[in-house]
Amino acid sequence: MFKTHPNPLWLFLAAAWLSLLTGCGPRISAIVGPAAEDLAAPVQPAARSESNGTPLRTLTVTGTGEVALTPDLARVTLAVETRNRDLGKAVAENNRRTAQVIQTLQQGGVAEKDIHTRNFSVNQERRYDDQRNLILGPYTVTNTLVVTVRDLEKLGALLDAALQAGANRMDNLTFGSSRAREAQLQAKLAAVEDAQKQAEAIAQQAGVTLEAVQTITFSYAVPVRETTYKAEMLAAAPAQVPVSPGEMKVTATVTMVFLIR
């Protein structure tokens, strides 16, 4: 005699049918076809107010501010370079000339804290002859100093004296200001004022009323733009090294979002 085992699928369907007839048990539903995918897709709601769920009305403006500065300091990179087939002699000569340059700068009023070594390097010239034999040449020793001059009236004379004292390369000269941070803040405030004036004018023309500021974003605040230029060796120049700091500008940009009604 064979025993029959109830099919679990039939038992499940029977239970579901019974629950529908009696109104008890869980409800079973299914969505088949493309409609199921449409219902499953997320919907991104628009920004709404907290009170009644209506979309927020906003006005976005961008303002800029600019502050002009007169430089009151300069930074210059000076290099002392020596060459010799004897490494010890090249280093010793470089040390002597570098010390002389530093002493000259300090005697001219540059503070010790405003002179520091950026780089010290030793390189040996290498080349190959026609038979591919390696030929070693002299050593080149370079000591690079970064000097900050806070009295611009003395800048030209100091550079001339440094070149005569032993510096044989001036890589670049930049002008800056000790008021850079203060100028950046002033530029940001001017940018906010500009954005507010724009928002008020646009709101009046559009017939809407400005309410609270929703967001304030500073897209960028440009630091002091220093004047930089390269220079060749000026030790042989008959006149004092010419310098002209000019004017610098600090710029800030702000984006503001206003609620309107």
Protein backbone atom coordinates (compact mmCIF):
# COMPACT_ATOMS: atom_id res chain seq x y z
CA MET A 1 0.00 0.00 0.00
CA PHE A 2 1.40 3.36 -1.03
CA LYS A 3 1.32 6.40 1.25
CA THR A 4 0.63 9.75 -0.33
CA HIS A 5 2.32 12.81 1.03
CA PRO A 6 0.51 16.14 0.76
CA ASN A 7 2.13 18.58 -1.65
CA PRO A 8 3.37 21.63 0.35
CA LEU A 9 2.48 23.99 -2.52
CA TRP A 10 -1.13 22.81 -2.52
CA LEU A 11 -1.29 23.15 1.26
CA PHE A 12 0.00 26.73 0.99
CA LEU A 13 -2.52 27.67 -1.71
CA ALA A 14 -5.33 26.06 0.23
CA ALA A 15 -4.41 28.01 3.36
CA ALA A 16 -4.27 31.22 1.39
CA TRP A 17 -7.70 30.56 -0.18
CA LEU A 18 -9.16 29.77 3.21
CA SER A 19 -7.77 33.01 4.69
CA LEU A 20 -9.34 35.03 1.88
CA LEU A 21 -12.72 33.40 2.47
CA THR A 22 -12.65 33.92 6.21
CA GLY A 23 -10.94 37.33 6.17
CA CYS A 24 -8.30 36.06 8.55
CA GLY A 25 -4.58 35.56 8.16
CA PRO A 26 -2.12 37.49 6.07
CA ARG A 27 -2.97 39.10 2.78
CA ILE A 28 -0.90 38.00 -0.17
CA SER A 29 -0.37 40.30 -3.13
CA ALA A 30 1.97 40.41 -6.10
CA ILE A 31 2.76 42.79 -8.91
CA VAL A 32 3.93 41.28 -12.15
CA GLY A 33 5.45 43.01 -15.18
CA PRO A 34 6.85 46.51 -15.76
CA ALA A 35 4.50 48.12 -13.28
CA ALA A 36 6.40 46.43 -10.47
CA GLU A 37 9.64 48.12 -11.53
CA ASP A 38 7.90 51.49 -11.78
CA LEU A 39 6.55 51.21 -8.25
CA ALA A 40 9.91 50.11 -6.92
CA ALA A 41 11.76 53.15 -8.34
CA PRO A 42 12.58 55.75 -5.63
CA VAL A 43 10.94 59.14 -5.86
CA GLN A 44 12.94 62.21 -4.83
CA PRO A 45 10.60 64.73 -3.19
CA ALA A 46 11.16 68.45 -3.65
CA ALA A 47 12.38 70.48 -0.69
CA ARG A 48 9.41 71.35 1.47
CA SER A 49 8.77 73.56 4.44
CA GLU A 50 8.37 71.97 7.83
CA SER A 51 4.98 73.55 8.50
CA ASN A 52 2.71 72.56 5.63
CA GLY A 53 4.83 70.50 3.26
CA THR A 54 4.80 73.06 0.42
CA PRO A 55 8.00 73.46 -1.65
CA LEU A 56 10.44 76.09 -0.39
CA ARG A 57 10.89 79.17 -2.55
CA THR A 58 14.49 80.39 -2.67
CA LEU A 59 16.67 82.97 -4.39
CA THR A 60 20.37 82.24 -4.97
CA VAL A 61 22.89 85.04 -5.60
CA THR A 62 26.68 85.25 -5.85
CA GLY A 63 28.65 88.22 -4.57
CA THR A 64 32.30 89.20 -4.86
CA GLY A 65 34.55 91.36 -2.72
CA GLU A 66 38.00 92.77 -3.40
CA VAL A 67 40.52 94.50 -1.16
CA ALA A 68 43.69 96.20 -2.44
CA LEU A 69 46.88 95.96 -0.43
CA THR A 70 50.21 97.70 -0.57
CA PRO A 71 52.98 95.13 0.02
CA ASP A 72 55.02 95.59 3.18
CA LEU A 73 57.36 92.60 2.90
CA ALA A 74 59.30 90.66 0.27
CA ARG A 75 60.66 87.14 0.01
CA VAL A 76 63.63 86.36 -2.15
CA THR A 77 65.41 83.08 -2.90
CA LEU A 78 69.19 83.43 -3.11
CA ALA A 79 71.58 80.65 -4.04
CA VAL A 80 75.29 80.29 -3.38
CA GLU A 81 76.86 77.92 -5.91
CA THR A 82 80.47 76.69 -5.92
CA ARG A 83 82.33 74.26 -8.20
CA ASN A 84 85.52 72.30 -7.61
CA ARG A 85 86.93 68.88 -8.49
CA ASP A 86 87.72 68.45 -4.81
CA LEU A 87 84.43 67.97 -2.94
CA GLY A 88 85.89 69.17 0.36
CA LYS A 89 87.10 72.40 -1.19
CA ALA A 90 83.75 72.97 -2.95
CA VAL A 91 81.85 72.54 0.34
CA ALA A 92 84.29 74.71 2.30
CA GLU A 93 84.10 77.52 -0.24
CA ASN A 94 80.31 77.30 -0.28
CA ASN A 95 80.13 77.47 3.51
CA ARG A 96 82.42 80.51 3.56
CA ARG A 97 80.44 82.42 0.95
CA THR A 98 77.07 81.48 2.46
CA ALA A 99 78.18 82.72 5.88
CA GLN A 100 79.33 85.96 4.29
CA VAL A 101 75.95 86.45 2.57
CA ILE A 102 74.06 85.79 5.82
CA GLN A 103 76.31 88.20 7.75
CA THR A 104 75.78 90.89 5.10
CA LEU A 105 71.99 90.49 5.25
CA GLN A 106 71.94 90.67 9.05
CA GLN A 107 74.12 93.76 9.02
CA GLY A 108 71.58 95.30 6.66
CA GLY A 109 68.76 94.78 9.18
CA VAL A 110 67.38 91.32 8.29
CA ALA A 111 66.53 89.31 11.41
CA GLU A 112 68.06 85.87 11.93
CA LYS A 113 64.59 84.27 11.96
CA ASP A 114 63.96 85.69 8.48
CA ILE A 115 66.85 83.77 6.91
CA HIS A 116 66.66 80.01 6.47
CA THR A 117 68.13 77.33 4.22
CA ARG A 118 65.64 75.81 1.81
CA ASN A 119 67.95 73.34 0.14
CA PHE A 120 71.55 72.14 0.22
CA SER A 121 72.69 69.92 -2.63
CA VAL A 122 75.87 68.32 -3.97
CA ASN A 123 76.10 67.11 -7.57
CA GLN A 124 78.98 65.78 -9.62
CA GLU A 125 79.22 66.29 -13.35
CA ARG A 126 79.14 63.00 -15.28
CA ARG A 127 79.64 62.40 -18.98
CA TYR A 128 80.77 59.68 -21.39
CA ASP A 129 83.46 59.93 -24.03
CA ASP A 130 83.30 58.46 -27.53
CA GLN A 131 84.32 55.04 -26.20
CA ARG A 132 81.50 55.12 -23.64
CA ASN A 133 83.89 55.57 -20.75
CA LEU A 134 82.50 57.42 -17.75
CA ILE A 135 84.27 60.70 -17.05
CA LEU A 136 83.66 62.37 -13.71
CA GLY A 137 83.77 66.15 -13.63
CA PRO A 138 83.82 68.74 -10.84
CA TYR A 139 81.38 68.90 -7.95
CA THR A 140 78.70 71.58 -7.74
CA VAL A 141 77.59 72.55 -4.24
CA THR A 142 74.46 74.71 -3.91
CA ASN A 143 73.05 76.31 -0.76
CA THR A 144 69.64 77.94 -1.31
CA LEU A 145 68.48 80.58 1.16
CA VAL A 146 65.01 82.07 1.56
CA VAL A 147 65.16 85.61 2.92
CA THR A 148 62.25 87.74 4.17
CA VAL A 149 62.80 91.49 4.00
CA ARG A 150 60.35 93.55 6.06
CA ASP A 151 61.67 96.98 5.14
CA LEU A 152 61.07 97.39 1.41
CA GLU A 153 63.04 100.63 1.27
CA LYS A 154 66.17 98.57 1.94
CA LEU A 155 65.30 95.73 -0.44
CA GLY A 156 67.27 96.88 -3.47
CA ALA A 157 70.40 97.64 -1.46
CA LEU A 158 70.17 94.32 0.40
CA LEU A 159 69.88 92.29 -2.79
CA ASP A 160 72.81 94.11 -4.33
CA ALA A 161 74.91 93.55 -1.21
CA ALA A 162 74.01 89.84 -1.07
CA LEU A 163 75.01 89.32 -4.69
CA GLN A 164 78.32 91.09 -4.09
CA ALA A 165 78.91 89.07 -0.89
CA GLY A 166 78.82 85.73 -2.68
CA ALA A 167 75.29 84.87 -3.81
CA ASN A 168 75.45 84.12 -7.53
CA ARG A 169 71.81 83.37 -8.30
CA MET A 170 68.53 85.03 -7.43
CA ASP A 171 65.73 82.63 -8.41
CA ASN A 172 62.64 84.70 -7.67
CA LEU A 173 61.31 87.64 -5.75
CA THR A 174 57.77 87.82 -4.34
CA PHE A 175 55.93 90.58 -2.52
CA GLY A 176 53.46 89.95 0.27
CA SER A 177 51.66 91.65 3.13
CA SER A 178 51.52 91.08 6.86
CA ARG A 179 47.84 92.12 6.65
CA ALA A 180 46.85 89.24 4.36
CA ARG A 181 44.48 87.55 6.85
CA GLU A 182 42.79 90.82 7.75
CA ALA A 183 42.37 91.61 4.06
CA GLN A 184 40.81 88.20 3.39
CA LEU A 185 38.19 88.82 6.08
CA GLN A 186 37.42 92.27 4.66
CA ALA A 187 37.04 90.76 1.19
CA LYS A 188 34.59 88.14 2.50
CA LEU A 189 32.50 90.80 4.24
CA ALA A 190 32.45 92.88 1.07
CA ALA A 191 31.32 89.81 -0.89
CA VAL A 192 28.43 89.23 1.54
CA GLU A 193 27.37 92.88 1.25
CA ASP A 194 27.45 92.59 -2.55
CA ALA A 195 25.31 89.45 -2.47
CA GLN A 196 22.76 91.07 -0.15
CA LYS A 197 22.42 94.12 -2.40
CA GLN A 198 21.87 91.89 -5.42
CA ALA A 199 19.25 89.82 -3.59
CA GLU A 200 17.35 92.93 -2.48
CA ALA A 201 17.32 94.40 -5.99
CA ILE A 202 16.21 91.15 -7.62
CA ALA A 203 13.52 90.53 -5.01
CA GLN A 204 12.10 94.02 -5.47
CA GLN A 205 12.03 93.66 -9.25
CA ALA A 206 10.44 90.19 -9.04
CA GLY A 207 7.84 91.25 -6.49
CA VAL A 208 8.89 88.86 -3.76
CA THR A 209 9.98 89.37 -0.16
CA LEU A 210 13.28 88.19 1.27
CA GLU A 211 13.10 86.19 4.47
CA ALA A 212 15.89 84.36 6.29
CA VAL A 213 19.19 83.33 4.75
CA GLN A 214 19.14 79.57 4.22
CA THR A 215 22.83 78.98 3.39
CA ILE A 216 26.06 80.93 2.97
CA THR A 217 28.93 79.33 1.05
CA PHE A 218 32.31 80.83 0.31
CA SER A 219 33.28 79.25 -2.97
CA TYR A 220 36.82 80.55 -2.67
CA ALA A 221 38.80 83.23 -0.95
CA VAL A 222 41.87 83.97 -3.02
CA PRO A 223 44.97 84.52 -0.86
CA VAL A 224 47.24 87.46 -1.51
CA ARG A 225 48.41 87.24 -5.10
CA GLU A 226 52.11 87.87 -4.89
CA THR A 227 54.10 89.37 -7.73
CA THR A 228 56.73 86.88 -8.86
CA TYR A 229 59.41 87.11 -11.47
CA LYS A 230 62.58 85.24 -12.40
CA ALA A 231 65.90 87.00 -12.52
CA GLU A 232 69.30 86.11 -13.92
CA MET A 233 72.46 86.72 -11.96
CA LEU A 234 72.68 90.45 -11.25
CA ALA A 235 76.04 90.63 -9.55
CA ALA A 236 77.60 92.32 -12.59
CA ALA A 237 74.86 94.96 -12.81
CA PRO A 238 76.35 98.44 -12.35
CA ALA A 239 73.26 99.82 -10.66
CA GLN A 240 71.34 98.72 -7.60
CA VAL A 241 68.88 95.88 -8.16
CA PRO A 242 65.57 97.50 -9.22
CA VAL A 243 62.44 96.54 -7.25
CA SER A 244 58.82 97.62 -7.66
CA PRO A 245 56.24 95.93 -5.41
CA GLY A 246 53.16 97.45 -7.07
CA GLU A 247 49.75 96.61 -5.62
CA MET A 248 48.14 93.31 -4.61
CA LYS A 249 44.48 92.36 -4.48
CA VAL A 250 42.62 89.91 -2.26
CA THR A 251 39.38 88.55 -3.74
CA ALA A 252 36.55 86.55 -2.13
CA THR A 253 33.37 85.06 -3.61
CA VAL A 254 30.26 84.05 -1.67
CA THR A 255 27.06 82.25 -2.67
CA MET A 256 23.97 82.98 -0.58
CA VAL A 257 20.55 81.28 -0.69
CA PHE A 258 17.61 83.37 0.60
CA LEU A 259 14.14 82.10 1.47
CA ILE A 260 11.48 84.19 -0.26
CA ARG A 261 7.70 84.55 -0.16
